[in-house]
Amino acid sequence: MPTIKFYSVVKRQSVEIDVSKVELVTMKNGRPAAQALDPETGTKLFKILGAADKALIEQAKAKKG
């Protein structure tokens, strides 16, 4: 399964999260973003998405159901 790279402020390093555990959200200004939980610390991770990452998440969600 593909992964998306987030930056964890708590651990100060990049964390790769499986696409199936990522939630697609839209910010107030209309830009796409992704939200997930860090499996080790349990903190919320947030990433503003580019077109490639957004397409990757939407494709994985379409396959799932």
C-alpha atoms as a PDB file:
ATOM      1  CA  MET A   1       0.000   0.000   0.000  1.00  0.00           C
ATOM      2  CA  PRO A   2       1.328   3.474  -0.781  1.00  0.00           C
ATOM      3  CA  THR A   3       2.395   5.822   1.995  1.00  0.00           C
ATOM      4  CA  ILE A   4       2.379   9.582   2.523  1.00  0.00           C
ATOM      5  CA  LYS A   5       5.189  11.357   4.316  1.00  0.00           C
ATOM      6  CA  PHE A   6       4.196  13.684   7.185  1.00  0.00           C
ATOM      7  CA  TYR A   7       6.445  15.709   9.473  1.00  0.00           C
ATOM      8  CA  SER A   8       6.012  15.045  13.204  1.00  0.00           C
ATOM      9  CA  VAL A   9       6.691  18.166  15.262  1.00  0.00           C
ATOM     10  CA  VAL A  10       6.880  16.100  18.465  1.00  0.00           C
ATOM     11  CA  LYS A  11       9.514  13.668  17.143  1.00  0.00           C
ATOM     12  CA  ARG A  12      11.134  16.259  14.826  1.00  0.00           C
ATOM     13  CA  GLN A  13      11.365  13.804  11.964  1.00  0.00           C
ATOM     14  CA  SER A  14       9.414  12.537   8.982  1.00  0.00           C
ATOM     15  CA  VAL A  15       6.831   9.813   9.508  1.00  0.00           C
ATOM     16  CA  GLU A  16       5.396   7.640   6.748  1.00  0.00           C
ATOM     17  CA  ILE A  17       1.706   6.805   7.167  1.00  0.00           C
ATOM     18  CA  ASP A  18      -0.259   4.266   5.136  1.00  0.00           C
ATOM     19  CA  VAL A  19      -2.750   5.940   2.797  1.00  0.00           C
ATOM     20  CA  SER A  20      -5.614   3.874   4.230  1.00  0.00           C
ATOM     21  CA  LYS A  21      -5.142   5.641   7.599  1.00  0.00           C
ATOM     22  CA  VAL A  22      -5.119   9.155   6.128  1.00  0.00           C
ATOM     23  CA  GLU A  23      -8.202  11.386   6.104  1.00  0.00           C
ATOM     24  CA  LEU A  24      -8.662  13.875   3.270  1.00  0.00           C
ATOM     25  CA  VAL A  25      -9.866  17.297   4.512  1.00  0.00           C
ATOM     26  CA  THR A  26     -10.365  20.724   2.957  1.00  0.00           C
ATOM     27  CA  MET A  27      -9.013  23.833   4.656  1.00  0.00           C
ATOM     28  CA  LYS A  28     -11.060  27.028   5.002  1.00  0.00           C
ATOM     29  CA  ASN A  29      -9.340  28.530   1.968  1.00  0.00           C
ATOM     30  CA  GLY A  30     -10.290  25.507  -0.176  1.00  0.00           C
ATOM     31  CA  ARG A  31      -6.880  23.831  -0.362  1.00  0.00           C
ATOM     32  CA  PRO A  32      -6.739  20.055   0.079  1.00  0.00           C
ATOM     33  CA  ALA A  33      -4.993  18.681   3.163  1.00  0.00           C
ATOM     34  CA  ALA A  34      -4.433  15.342   4.868  1.00  0.00           C
ATOM     35  CA  GLN A  35      -4.847  14.437   8.508  1.00  0.00           C
ATOM     36  CA  ALA A  36      -3.615  11.319  10.315  1.00  0.00           C
ATOM     37  CA  LEU A  37      -2.494  10.041  13.713  1.00  0.00           C
ATOM     38  CA  ASP A  38       1.118   9.223  14.501  1.00  0.00           C
ATOM     39  CA  PRO A  39       1.148   5.503  15.410  1.00  0.00           C
ATOM     40  CA  GLU A  40       3.949   5.930  17.976  1.00  0.00           C
ATOM     41  CA  THR A  41       3.011   9.139  19.811  1.00  0.00           C
ATOM     42  CA  GLY A  42      -0.716   9.362  19.027  1.00  0.00           C
ATOM     43  CA  THR A  43      -0.440  13.035  18.028  1.00  0.00           C
ATOM     44  CA  LYS A  44      -2.298  14.529  15.077  1.00  0.00           C
ATOM     45  CA  LEU A  45      -0.330  14.977  11.880  1.00  0.00           C
ATOM     46  CA  PHE A  46      -1.380  17.497   9.241  1.00  0.00           C
ATOM     47  CA  LYS A  47      -0.082  18.075   5.720  1.00  0.00           C
ATOM     48  CA  ILE A  48      -1.091  20.470   2.954  1.00  0.00           C
ATOM     49  CA  LEU A  49      -1.347  18.366  -0.178  1.00  0.00           C
ATOM     50  CA  GLY A  50      -0.100  18.870  -3.683  1.00  0.00           C
ATOM     51  CA  ALA A  51      -1.912  17.458  -6.687  1.00  0.00           C
ATOM     52  CA  ALA A  52       0.082  14.182  -6.715  1.00  0.00           C
ATOM     53  CA  ASP A  53      -0.550  13.342  -3.049  1.00  0.00           C
ATOM     54  CA  LYS A  54      -4.244  14.250  -3.329  1.00  0.00           C
ATOM     55  CA  ALA A  55      -4.636  11.967  -6.359  1.00  0.00           C
ATOM     56  CA  LEU A  56      -2.857   9.154  -4.508  1.00  0.00           C
ATOM     57  CA  ILE A  57      -5.248   9.369  -1.542  1.00  0.00           C
ATOM     58  CA  GLU A  58      -8.350   9.621  -3.736  1.00  0.00           C
ATOM     59  CA  GLN A  59      -7.204   6.631  -5.792  1.00  0.00           C
ATOM     60  CA  ALA A  60      -6.644   4.520  -2.666  1.00  0.00           C
ATOM     61  CA  LYS A  61     -10.057   5.510  -1.249  1.00  0.00           C
ATOM     62  CA  ALA A  62     -11.753   4.632  -4.567  1.00  0.00           C
ATOM     63  CA  LYS A  63     -10.145   1.175  -4.572  1.00  0.00           C
ATOM     64  CA  LYS A  64     -11.200   0.583  -0.967  1.00  0.00           C
ATOM     65  CA  GLY A  65     -14.884   1.171  -1.521  1.00  0.00           C
END
